[in-house]
Amino acid sequence: METVVTTATIAAAAVSPSPTPFTTQHLAGEQILSKLHAIASSAAYWGEKLPGSAVVKRYIVSSHQNDPVRTIFELLFFLFAVRYFVASRYSTSNPHHVKFTEADIDELVAEWEPEPLVPKTTVLEELDIGSIPLIHGESGPVVDVESARVGHVKRATNLASTDFLGWARDPVIKERAVQIIREYGVGSCGPPGFYGNQDIHVKCERDLARFCNSESAILYAQAFNTMSSVIPSFMKRGDIVIADDRVATSTQKGLQVSRVTLRWYKHNDMEDLARVLAKTNHEFRKAPLTKRFIVTEGLFENTGDLCNLPEIIKLKYQFKYRLLLDESLSFGLVGSTGRGVLEHFQENGHPELSRQQIELTAGSMAIAFSSAGGFVAGSDAAVEHQRIGSNAVTFSASMPGYLAAASSQAIERLEEDNSRVVKLRENTTHFRTFLEKQLQAARVLGSVVEFVSSPQSPHILIKLSDDFRPETLTSFVAAEELLQQIVDLCLAEGVLITRHKRVPTHEIIALESMLRIEVSASLSTQQLDESASIIAGVVKSISSA
């Protein structure tokens, strides 16, 4: 039977459309969205019934409006947390792991050698440890000392102590310390920002500020941590520091921790400092403006000479830098009243200099006053910043109160009478002159040893001459051993001196081997003369051996 397709049939088919795949997918999508909307509505309804849901909703809405990026990160963090908690736990029972027999385990255990908890001591470390002198009783100008390399010496003139002014044996200061111990105890047991600061600490800070002619001062519990903490509190990554290449280890550590852009200039070379400042400013002329500091010392621990403070201040203003001056060794020793290298230059042709031209001045009370701790003097703003921005202040317990009181007492004594500083200067000049004469008479000055420190420094450093090169002097350790022999022979003759010790692995720039002699105001002229003669005789005997 034939099917007859008429025009009407075709028209009817065109008018009544049949379902297409697109229409089916569209309807399915609408059904899914409808179900999702119903689920979301139900969740919102029941969510509003939960306690605190309004607070959470308000937080999400306000957070998204203020910072949409934060909402995305919080969502990703939420998904990560869900994924972490629903993930399967790590298991050590992996069937693919190699299984050992008891014999295999015993063999591996027998072959295993544990790493030492600490590395083996080096030859230099063994030399340092074996040469530490043991003092019996109270330290002073004459000590009862014992050495593993020399033996027991009942009376030795002490030229190894940094008690330059002799405050350690002062009866007035000792009595003041005993009084504070009875009233306050022996420790503060807390950081200064919490409950560690007592009225005696505040008084000591005021005394230091007055003595330094600065607006304010802040105490540090440890002298070594002063520079290593004040530097990173003011200088961060991106800041620029120009430093003398002979600064002490504590300053080097502070520069490393701060991660600043560091440039060195040759020790006390003002032409090189000007060159480095100009080059650095040109190099960073298009960089964002950051803090820029010159870092140096008043009396250098590693060289025993004074910085050229007038020229440094001139260059600081010329190139627009700030100045951090470490007077740990010069404070209390240099200047007619012990106010440091600034006072020294004020008295020697530069009265225009002032403490306000130095942004930060660091110092030590462990050297000048035979106490402990350090300080930083500067403007009120600079000091207050350190109270919450310096790690050694924020996280370390404040120094014991009796040490702060002893320092205050020493400052008051210095302000009333500077005779100890004058005596120290006289002893330094006399001993240095007499020692030079003795070394020249022994024909060893210049050919065997030579002075590194400046004539006015009570911190005397002597190194082996470049012309003195015996066959045994083949390394740094050999030079240290030779100097230690000089120290031992001097001790055997009744004079206690030492080597300029440091940890080479912690020094950024290598230093030379040197003898270290500390002159004290407590020593008599006779003691100084006898000591100088013994040192010169020992050096001569070593050179001819």
Protein backbone atom coordinates (compact mmCIF):
# COMPACT_ATOMS: atom_id res chain seq x y z
CA MET A 1 0.00 0.00 0.00
CA GLU A 2 1.52 3.30 -0.99
CA THR A 3 1.87 6.15 1.39
CA VAL A 4 0.64 9.40 -0.07
CA VAL A 5 2.48 12.43 1.20
CA THR A 6 0.39 15.50 0.74
CA THR A 7 1.16 19.17 1.23
CA ALA A 8 -1.03 19.22 4.32
CA THR A 9 0.93 16.41 5.88
CA ILE A 10 4.22 18.23 5.41
CA ALA A 11 2.78 21.41 6.88
CA ALA A 12 1.46 19.57 9.92
CA ALA A 13 4.84 18.02 10.53
CA ALA A 14 6.51 21.40 10.38
CA VAL A 15 4.05 22.97 12.83
CA SER A 16 4.43 20.30 15.57
CA PRO A 17 8.20 20.07 16.41
CA SER A 18 9.71 16.90 17.79
CA PRO A 19 12.06 16.83 20.85
CA THR A 20 15.70 17.58 19.98
CA PRO A 21 18.89 16.70 21.93
CA PHE A 22 19.44 20.38 22.74
CA THR A 23 15.99 20.71 24.25
CA THR A 24 16.52 17.59 26.35
CA GLN A 25 19.86 18.85 27.76
CA HIS A 26 18.36 22.24 28.52
CA LEU A 27 15.53 20.70 30.48
CA ALA A 28 17.95 18.50 32.40
CA GLY A 29 20.14 21.53 33.28
CA GLU A 30 17.14 23.43 34.57
CA GLN A 31 16.18 20.49 36.74
CA ILE A 32 19.71 20.33 38.21
CA LEU A 33 19.79 24.06 38.92
CA SER A 34 16.35 23.79 40.48
CA LYS A 35 17.52 20.99 42.77
CA LEU A 36 20.71 22.90 43.69
CA HIS A 37 18.65 25.98 44.47
CA ALA A 38 16.37 23.92 46.66
CA ILE A 39 19.33 22.41 48.49
CA ALA A 40 20.94 25.85 48.94
CA SER A 41 17.67 27.29 50.22
CA SER A 42 17.24 24.42 52.63
CA ALA A 43 20.85 24.76 53.82
CA ALA A 44 20.42 28.52 54.28
CA TYR A 45 17.21 27.97 56.20
CA TRP A 46 18.69 25.41 58.56
CA GLY A 47 21.96 27.34 58.73
CA GLU A 48 20.15 30.38 60.09
CA LYS A 49 18.77 28.20 62.86
CA LEU A 50 22.28 27.42 64.11
CA PRO A 51 23.69 29.59 66.95
CA GLY A 52 26.16 32.19 65.69
CA SER A 53 25.22 31.77 62.03
CA ALA A 54 24.36 35.44 61.69
CA VAL A 55 27.82 36.43 62.88
CA VAL A 56 29.48 34.06 60.40
CA LYS A 57 27.30 35.32 57.55
CA ARG A 58 28.03 38.94 58.43
CA TYR A 59 31.80 38.19 58.59
CA ILE A 60 31.78 36.47 55.17
CA VAL A 61 29.81 39.28 53.51
CA SER A 62 31.95 42.10 54.98
CA SER A 63 35.19 40.21 54.31
CA HIS A 64 34.25 39.62 50.68
CA GLN A 65 33.27 43.26 50.19
CA ASN A 66 36.47 44.60 51.75
CA ASP A 67 38.90 42.06 50.31
CA PRO A 68 37.58 39.59 47.69
CA VAL A 69 41.03 38.03 47.29
CA ARG A 70 41.02 37.09 50.95
CA THR A 71 37.72 35.26 50.48
CA ILE A 72 39.27 33.15 47.72
CA PHE A 73 42.25 32.25 49.89
CA GLU A 74 40.00 31.34 52.83
CA LEU A 75 37.89 29.13 50.57
CA LEU A 76 40.99 27.39 49.23
CA PHE A 77 42.27 26.91 52.77
CA PHE A 78 38.91 25.44 53.83
CA LEU A 79 38.94 23.00 50.91
CA PHE A 80 42.54 22.03 51.71
CA ALA A 81 41.59 21.37 55.36
CA VAL A 82 38.65 19.21 54.31
CA ARG A 83 40.85 17.32 51.84
CA TYR A 84 43.52 16.81 54.50
CA PHE A 85 41.16 15.41 57.14
CA VAL A 86 39.25 13.08 54.80
CA ALA A 87 42.39 11.78 53.07
CA SER A 88 43.68 8.35 53.96
CA ARG A 89 46.34 8.23 56.63
CA TYR A 90 49.94 7.40 55.77
CA SER A 91 50.76 3.84 56.56
CA THR A 92 54.16 2.20 56.98
CA SER A 93 52.75 -1.24 56.18
CA ASN A 94 53.55 -1.05 52.49
CA PRO A 95 53.51 -4.55 50.95
CA HIS A 96 56.20 -3.47 48.47
CA HIS A 97 58.76 -2.63 51.19
CA VAL A 98 61.78 -4.91 51.50
CA LYS A 99 61.47 -7.19 54.51
CA PHE A 100 64.65 -7.79 56.50
CA THR A 101 65.45 -10.86 58.47
CA GLU A 102 66.77 -10.65 62.00
CA ALA A 103 70.26 -11.42 60.70
CA ASP A 104 70.05 -8.56 58.17
CA ILE A 105 68.95 -6.15 60.89
CA ASP A 106 71.79 -7.21 63.21
CA GLU A 107 74.31 -6.74 60.40
CA LEU A 108 73.07 -3.22 59.56
CA VAL A 109 73.09 -2.20 63.22
CA ALA A 110 76.66 -3.48 63.61
CA GLU A 111 77.81 -1.48 60.57
CA TRP A 112 76.07 1.77 61.62
CA GLU A 113 78.29 4.50 63.07
CA PRO A 114 76.48 7.45 64.68
CA GLU A 115 77.52 10.98 63.84
CA PRO A 116 79.17 12.83 66.77
CA LEU A 117 76.94 15.26 68.64
CA VAL A 118 79.63 17.94 68.29
CA PRO A 119 82.46 18.09 65.73
CA LYS A 120 85.97 17.22 66.75
CA THR A 121 87.97 20.07 68.19
CA THR A 122 90.46 21.65 65.84
CA VAL A 123 94.13 22.22 66.65
CA LEU A 124 93.43 25.92 67.28
CA GLU A 125 90.50 25.11 69.59
CA GLU A 126 92.64 22.68 71.56
CA LEU A 127 95.30 25.41 71.87
CA ASP A 128 92.73 27.92 73.13
CA ILE A 129 91.18 25.48 75.61
CA GLY A 130 94.52 24.29 76.95
CA SER A 131 95.85 27.81 77.47
CA ILE A 132 93.00 29.24 79.55
CA PRO A 133 94.47 30.58 82.82
CA LEU A 134 92.72 29.88 86.12
CA ILE A 135 92.82 32.73 88.62
CA HIS A 136 92.54 31.85 92.30
CA GLY A 137 90.74 34.43 94.39
CA GLU A 138 89.93 38.01 93.49
CA SER A 139 91.11 39.51 90.21
CA GLY A 140 93.25 42.63 90.45
CA PRO A 141 96.59 44.15 89.41
CA VAL A 142 98.39 41.12 90.90
CA VAL A 143 96.79 37.68 90.67
CA ASP A 144 97.36 34.10 91.78
CA VAL A 145 97.10 32.20 88.50
CA GLU A 146 97.38 28.60 87.36
CA SER A 147 97.94 27.36 83.81
CA ALA A 148 97.99 23.84 82.43
CA ARG A 149 100.95 24.77 80.22
CA VAL A 150 102.98 26.66 82.85
CA GLY A 151 101.85 25.55 86.28
CA HIS A 152 100.98 27.56 89.38
CA VAL A 153 102.26 31.14 89.60
CA LYS A 154 101.33 32.69 92.93
CA ARG A 155 102.08 36.32 91.99
CA ALA A 156 101.69 37.58 88.44
CA THR A 157 101.27 41.17 87.25
CA ASN A 158 97.90 41.23 85.49
CA LEU A 159 98.14 42.74 81.99
CA ALA A 160 95.31 40.63 80.59
CA SER A 161 92.28 42.15 82.35
CA THR A 162 89.94 44.74 80.82
CA ASP A 163 89.39 46.26 84.26
CA PHE A 164 91.18 49.36 82.95
CA LEU A 165 90.03 51.76 85.67
CA GLY A 166 90.20 49.29 88.56
CA TRP A 167 86.54 49.53 89.55
CA ALA A 168 86.32 45.78 90.30
CA ARG A 169 88.13 46.30 93.63
CA ASP A 170 86.60 49.67 94.52
CA PRO A 171 85.12 49.40 98.06
CA VAL A 172 82.39 52.01 97.51
CA ILE A 173 81.03 50.28 94.40
CA LYS A 174 81.23 46.86 96.06
CA GLU A 175 79.30 48.11 99.07
CA ARG A 176 76.64 49.61 96.81
CA ALA A 177 76.27 46.28 94.96
CA VAL A 178 75.90 44.38 98.24
CA GLN A 179 73.22 46.83 99.41
CA ILE A 180 71.19 46.36 96.19
CA ILE A 181 71.43 42.56 96.46
CA ARG A 182 69.99 42.72 99.96
CA GLU A 183 67.14 44.98 98.86
CA TYR A 184 66.33 43.66 95.35
CA GLY A 185 67.83 40.17 95.13
CA VAL A 186 70.24 38.92 92.48
CA GLY A 187 68.10 38.93 89.33
CA SER A 188 65.10 40.52 87.65
CA CYS A 189 63.77 37.25 86.15
CA GLY A 190 61.99 38.97 83.28
CA PRO A 191 62.39 41.12 80.16
CA PRO A 192 62.39 44.92 80.57
CA GLY A 193 59.08 45.28 78.76
CA PHE A 194 57.22 43.04 81.22
CA TYR A 195 58.43 43.18 84.82
CA GLY A 196 62.22 43.16 84.48
CA ASN A 197 62.78 46.93 84.72
CA GLN A 198 63.25 48.28 88.21
CA ASP A 199 63.88 51.81 89.43
CA ILE A 200 67.63 51.15 89.55
CA HIS A 201 67.59 50.27 85.83
CA VAL A 202 65.75 53.51 85.03
CA LYS A 203 68.26 55.47 87.11
CA CYS A 204 71.19 53.82 85.32
CA GLU A 205 69.71 54.74 81.92
CA ARG A 206 69.33 58.37 83.04
CA ASP A 207 72.90 58.43 84.35
CA LEU A 208 74.19 57.04 81.06
CA ALA A 209 72.23 59.59 79.02
CA ARG A 210 73.59 62.41 81.18
CA PHE A 211 77.14 61.10 81.00
CA CYS A 212 76.98 60.76 77.19
CA ASN A 213 75.24 64.14 76.71
CA SER A 214 72.38 62.48 74.82
CA GLU A 215 68.60 62.70 75.12
CA SER A 216 68.11 59.15 76.33
CA ALA A 217 69.73 55.72 76.75
CA ILE A 218 68.63 52.10 76.98
CA LEU A 219 70.26 49.16 78.80
CA TYR A 220 71.15 45.78 77.29
CA ALA A 221 71.71 42.78 79.55
CA GLN A 222 74.71 41.47 77.57
CA ALA A 223 77.48 43.62 76.15
CA PHE A 224 78.09 41.32 73.16
CA ASN A 225 74.43 41.33 72.16
CA THR A 226 74.19 45.11 72.11
CA MET A 227 75.59 45.70 68.60
CA SER A 228 74.29 42.40 67.23
CA SER A 229 70.77 43.41 68.28
CA VAL A 230 70.62 47.18 67.72
CA ILE A 231 71.72 46.78 64.08
CA PRO A 232 68.82 44.55 62.96
CA SER A 233 66.37 46.63 65.00
CA PHE A 234 67.08 49.65 62.76
CA MET A 235 68.37 48.06 59.54
CA LYS A 236 66.50 45.53 57.41
CA ARG A 237 66.77 43.88 54.04
CA GLY A 238 67.15 46.58 51.39
CA ASP A 239 68.81 49.11 53.70
CA ILE A 240 72.40 50.09 52.93
CA VAL A 241 75.32 49.90 55.38
CA ILE A 242 78.89 51.06 54.81
CA ALA A 243 81.12 49.50 57.49
CA ASP A 244 84.78 49.55 58.45
CA ASP A 245 86.38 46.20 57.59
CA ARG A 246 87.88 45.79 61.08
CA VAL A 247 84.73 46.02 63.21
CA ALA A 248 84.34 43.53 66.05
CA THR A 249 82.62 40.15 65.82
CA SER A 250 79.42 41.35 67.52
CA THR A 251 78.99 44.03 64.86
CA GLN A 252 79.69 41.54 62.09
CA LYS A 253 76.99 39.24 63.47
CA GLY A 254 74.49 42.09 63.59
CA LEU A 255 75.20 42.98 59.96
CA GLN A 256 74.74 39.35 58.93
CA VAL A 257 71.46 38.95 60.81
CA SER A 258 69.99 42.17 59.42
CA ARG A 259 70.59 41.02 55.80
CA VAL A 260 71.31 44.56 54.68
CA THR A 261 73.11 45.55 51.50
CA LEU A 262 76.64 45.71 52.92
CA ARG A 263 79.68 47.52 51.56
CA TRP A 264 83.09 47.54 53.27
CA TYR A 265 85.68 50.29 53.27
CA LYS A 266 89.35 49.89 54.13
CA HIS A 267 90.11 50.31 57.81
CA ASN A 268 90.28 53.99 58.80
CA ASP A 269 90.86 55.00 55.15
CA MET A 270 88.72 58.11 54.67
CA GLU A 271 89.50 58.35 50.96
CA ASP A 272 88.24 54.82 50.47
CA LEU A 273 85.16 55.60 52.59
CA ALA A 274 84.36 58.59 50.37
CA ARG A 275 84.86 56.44 47.27
CA VAL A 276 82.56 53.67 48.56
CA LEU A 277 79.88 56.19 49.60
CA ALA A 278 79.91 57.88 46.18
CA LYS A 279 79.91 54.55 44.33
CA THR A 280 77.07 53.16 46.44
CA ASN A 281 74.92 56.26 46.04
CA HIS A 282 75.44 56.14 42.28
CA GLU A 283 74.62 52.42 42.19
CA PHE A 284 71.33 52.88 44.06
CA ARG A 285 70.38 56.30 42.68
CA LYS A 286 67.19 54.93 41.08
CA ALA A 287 66.33 52.49 43.88
CA PRO A 288 63.60 53.21 46.44
CA LEU A 289 64.76 55.43 49.29
CA THR A 290 65.89 53.27 52.25
CA LYS A 291 67.80 53.78 55.49
CA ARG A 292 71.55 54.24 55.02
CA PHE A 293 74.12 53.92 57.81
CA ILE A 294 77.86 54.20 58.34
CA VAL A 295 78.97 51.71 61.03
CA THR A 296 82.31 52.05 62.80
CA GLU A 297 83.98 51.87 66.23
CA GLY A 298 85.49 54.53 68.46
CA LEU A 299 88.48 52.50 69.69
CA PHE A 300 88.78 49.40 67.54
CA GLU A 301 88.99 46.09 69.40
CA ASN A 302 90.75 44.38 66.48
CA THR A 303 93.36 47.08 65.82
CA GLY A 304 93.60 49.25 68.96
CA ASP A 305 93.42 52.58 67.10
CA LEU A 306 90.87 55.41 67.03
CA CYS A 307 88.48 56.14 64.19
CA ASN A 308 88.70 59.47 62.33
CA LEU A 309 85.42 60.72 63.74
CA PRO A 310 85.54 64.32 62.41
CA GLU A 311 86.03 63.15 58.82
CA ILE A 312 83.36 60.43 59.17
CA ILE A 313 80.80 62.98 60.39
CA LYS A 314 81.73 65.28 57.51
CA LEU A 315 81.22 62.48 54.95
CA LYS A 316 77.99 61.40 56.64
CA TYR A 317 76.42 64.79 56.00
CA GLN A 318 77.91 65.06 52.53
CA PHE A 319 76.43 61.76 51.32
CA LYS A 320 73.31 61.84 53.55
CA TYR A 321 73.94 58.85 55.80
CA ARG A 322 73.28 58.13 59.47
CA LEU A 323 76.05 57.05 61.87
CA LEU A 324 76.18 54.13 64.30
CA LEU A 325 79.27 54.44 66.51
CA ASP A 326 80.34 51.54 68.74
CA GLU A 327 82.20 52.97 71.76
CA SER A 328 82.30 49.71 73.69
CA LEU A 329 86.06 49.96 74.18
CA SER A 330 86.51 53.75 74.16
CA PHE A 331 83.71 54.56 76.60
CA GLY A 332 85.27 55.32 79.99
CA LEU A 333 88.83 55.09 78.65
CA VAL A 334 89.26 57.81 76.02
CA GLY A 335 88.87 61.52 76.68
CA SER A 336 89.83 63.49 79.78
CA THR A 337 86.68 62.40 81.63
CA GLY A 338 86.16 59.06 79.87
CA ARG A 339 83.33 60.18 77.58
CA GLY A 340 84.83 58.40 74.61
CA VAL A 341 86.27 59.22 71.23
CA LEU A 342 83.88 62.16 70.77
CA GLU A 343 85.36 63.93 73.80
CA HIS A 344 88.87 63.07 72.60
CA PHE A 345 88.36 64.93 69.32
CA GLN A 346 86.49 67.79 71.01
CA GLU A 347 89.61 68.34 73.11
CA ASN A 348 91.93 68.04 70.13
CA GLY A 349 90.86 70.68 67.64
CA HIS A 350 87.22 69.80 66.95
CA PRO A 351 85.03 71.55 69.55
CA GLU A 352 82.19 71.76 66.99
CA LEU A 353 81.44 68.03 67.31
CA SER A 354 78.48 66.96 69.45
CA ARG A 355 76.67 63.77 70.43
CA GLN A 356 73.60 64.92 68.47
CA GLN A 357 75.58 64.46 65.23
CA ILE A 358 75.77 60.73 65.99
CA GLU A 359 72.39 59.04 65.61
CA LEU A 360 73.26 55.94 67.67
CA THR A 361 76.10 55.41 70.16
CA ALA A 362 76.62 51.93 71.60
CA GLY A 363 78.75 51.21 74.64
CA SER A 364 79.73 48.56 77.16
CA MET A 365 79.67 48.66 80.93
CA ALA A 366 81.53 45.36 81.17
CA ILE A 367 84.78 47.10 80.19
CA ALA A 368 84.65 50.63 81.55
CA PHE A 369 82.98 49.83 84.89
CA SER A 370 83.88 46.14 85.39
CA SER A 371 80.14 45.50 85.58
CA ALA A 372 78.12 43.85 82.82
CA GLY A 373 75.78 44.68 79.97
CA GLY A 374 75.74 47.34 77.31
CA PHE A 375 73.76 50.41 76.35
CA VAL A 376 72.74 52.53 73.37
CA ALA A 377 72.45 56.31 73.64
CA GLY A 378 70.58 58.52 71.21
CA SER A 379 67.40 60.49 70.70
CA ASP A 380 64.22 59.72 72.64
CA ALA A 381 62.58 58.29 69.51
CA ALA A 382 65.53 56.00 68.74
CA VAL A 383 65.62 54.65 72.30
CA GLU A 384 61.86 54.08 72.54
CA HIS A 385 61.94 52.19 69.24
CA GLN A 386 64.41 49.70 70.73
CA ARG A 387 62.16 48.93 73.69
CA ILE A 388 59.79 47.04 71.39
CA GLY A 389 61.95 46.56 68.28
CA SER A 390 65.20 45.15 69.62
CA ASN A 391 65.29 41.38 70.19
CA ALA A 392 67.82 41.54 73.02
CA VAL A 393 65.56 43.95 74.91
CA THR A 394 62.23 42.30 74.11
CA PHE A 395 63.14 38.66 74.67
CA SER A 396 66.06 38.72 77.15
CA ALA A 397 65.84 39.17 80.90
CA SER A 398 67.10 42.55 82.05
CA MET A 399 70.48 42.75 83.72
CA PRO A 400 70.65 42.13 87.50
CA GLY A 401 69.87 45.26 89.46
CA TYR A 402 73.11 45.29 91.42
CA LEU A 403 75.11 45.53 88.17
CA ALA A 404 73.05 48.51 87.03
CA ALA A 405 73.57 50.13 90.43
CA ALA A 406 77.33 49.46 90.26
CA SER A 407 77.47 51.16 86.85
CA SER A 408 75.54 54.17 88.14
CA GLN A 409 77.92 54.42 91.08
CA ALA A 410 80.94 54.31 88.76
CA ILE A 411 79.44 57.06 86.55
CA GLU A 412 78.90 59.28 89.59
CA ARG A 413 82.48 58.64 90.71
CA LEU A 414 83.81 59.55 87.25
CA GLU A 415 81.77 62.76 87.16
CA GLU A 416 83.12 63.77 90.56
CA ASP A 417 86.74 62.74 90.00
CA ASN A 418 88.46 61.80 86.74
CA SER A 419 91.78 60.90 88.38
CA ARG A 420 91.49 57.25 87.34
CA VAL A 421 91.16 58.23 83.67
CA VAL A 422 94.15 60.55 84.00
CA LYS A 423 96.16 57.80 85.72
CA LEU A 424 95.24 55.34 82.97
CA ARG A 425 96.43 57.76 80.31
CA GLU A 426 99.73 58.30 82.16
CA ASN A 427 100.27 54.55 82.62
CA THR A 428 99.50 53.91 78.95
CA THR A 429 101.96 56.53 77.70
CA HIS A 430 104.69 55.40 80.09
CA PHE A 431 104.30 51.67 79.42
CA ARG A 432 104.08 52.06 75.64
CA THR A 433 107.20 54.28 75.55
CA PHE A 434 109.21 52.04 77.88
CA LEU A 435 108.16 48.85 76.05
CA GLU A 436 109.22 50.36 72.71
CA LYS A 437 112.64 51.21 74.18
CA GLN A 438 113.06 47.71 75.58
CA LEU A 439 112.10 46.07 72.29
CA GLN A 440 114.47 48.36 70.39
CA ALA A 441 117.28 47.55 72.84
CA ALA A 442 116.61 43.85 72.27
CA ARG A 443 116.67 44.51 68.49
CA VAL A 444 113.32 42.84 67.90
CA LEU A 445 111.07 45.85 67.21
CA GLY A 446 110.34 45.89 63.49
CA SER A 447 112.31 42.73 62.74
CA VAL A 448 110.33 40.31 64.95
CA VAL A 449 107.31 42.20 66.30
CA GLU A 450 105.60 45.52 65.61
CA PHE A 451 102.84 47.56 67.22
CA VAL A 452 99.36 47.59 65.68
CA SER A 453 97.55 49.81 68.20
CA SER A 454 97.89 53.58 68.46
CA PRO A 455 100.17 55.08 71.19
CA GLN A 456 97.26 56.51 73.25
CA SER A 457 95.41 53.18 73.46
CA PRO A 458 95.56 51.17 76.74
CA HIS A 459 94.42 48.23 74.60
CA ILE A 460 97.82 47.32 73.11
CA LEU A 461 98.09 44.88 70.20
CA ILE A 462 101.43 43.55 68.93
CA LYS A 463 101.77 41.34 65.85
CA LEU A 464 104.61 39.33 64.34
CA SER A 465 106.56 41.37 61.81
CA ASP A 466 106.25 40.54 58.12
CA ASP A 467 110.05 40.17 58.05
CA PHE A 468 110.01 37.50 60.76
CA ARG A 469 109.39 34.20 59.02
CA PRO A 470 111.12 31.21 60.64
CA GLU A 471 110.82 27.78 59.05
CA THR A 472 108.27 26.63 61.64
CA LEU A 473 105.95 29.56 60.94
CA THR A 474 104.06 27.95 58.08
CA SER A 475 100.40 28.57 58.97
CA PHE A 476 97.98 30.61 61.04
CA VAL A 477 97.92 27.90 63.73
CA ALA A 478 101.73 27.91 63.84
CA ALA A 479 101.72 31.68 64.40
CA GLU A 480 99.19 31.28 67.21
CA GLU A 481 101.32 28.58 68.80
CA LEU A 482 104.39 30.82 68.65
CA LEU A 483 102.52 33.69 70.31
CA GLN A 484 101.21 31.32 72.97
CA GLN A 485 104.79 30.33 73.74
CA ILE A 486 105.53 34.02 74.38
CA VAL A 487 102.48 34.21 76.67
CA ASP A 488 103.57 31.09 78.57
CA LEU A 489 107.16 32.30 79.04
CA CYS A 490 105.92 35.70 80.27
CA LEU A 491 103.63 33.98 82.78
CA ALA A 492 106.50 31.85 84.00
CA GLU A 493 108.39 35.13 84.65
CA GLY A 494 105.41 36.60 86.55
CA VAL A 495 103.58 38.63 83.84
CA LEU A 496 100.08 37.64 82.65
CA ILE A 497 99.31 38.68 79.05
CA THR A 498 97.24 36.90 76.40
CA ARG A 499 96.71 36.39 72.70
CA HIS A 500 94.06 38.34 70.80
CA LYS A 501 91.68 35.40 70.61
CA ARG A 502 88.71 35.06 68.29
CA VAL A 503 86.80 32.38 66.36
CA PRO A 504 88.04 32.41 62.74
CA THR A 505 84.87 30.73 61.42
CA HIS A 506 82.81 33.64 62.74
CA GLU A 507 84.98 36.40 61.33
CA ILE A 508 83.90 37.81 57.98
CA ILE A 509 87.36 39.22 57.33
CA ALA A 510 90.47 37.32 58.44
CA LEU A 511 92.62 38.91 61.15
CA GLU A 512 96.29 38.58 61.94
CA SER A 513 97.75 36.77 64.97
CA MET A 514 98.48 39.27 67.75
CA LEU A 515 99.50 39.58 71.38
CA ARG A 516 97.10 41.49 73.60
CA ILE A 517 98.26 43.63 76.53
CA GLU A 518 95.85 45.63 78.69
CA VAL A 519 97.20 48.54 80.76
CA SER A 520 95.37 49.35 84.00
CA ALA A 521 95.22 52.47 86.15
CA SER A 522 95.78 50.22 89.18
CA LEU A 523 99.34 49.28 88.18
CA SER A 524 102.37 51.09 89.53
CA THR A 525 105.24 52.45 87.42
CA GLN A 526 107.56 49.79 88.81
CA GLN A 527 105.17 46.99 87.86
CA LEU A 528 104.85 48.39 84.33
CA ASP A 529 108.63 48.71 83.88
CA GLU A 530 109.31 45.19 85.14
CA SER A 531 106.60 43.77 82.91
CA ALA A 532 107.90 45.59 79.82
CA SER A 533 111.43 44.30 80.44
CA ILE A 534 110.17 40.72 80.81
CA ILE A 535 108.07 40.89 77.63
CA ALA A 536 110.99 42.27 75.61
CA GLY A 537 113.33 39.59 76.97
CA VAL A 538 110.91 36.78 76.11
CA VAL A 539 110.40 38.06 72.56
CA LYS A 540 114.18 38.19 72.08
CA SER A 541 114.59 34.62 73.37
CA ILE A 542 111.88 33.37 71.01
CA SER A 543 113.42 35.10 68.00
CA SER A 544 116.85 33.60 68.64
CA ALA A 545 115.59 30.09 69.41
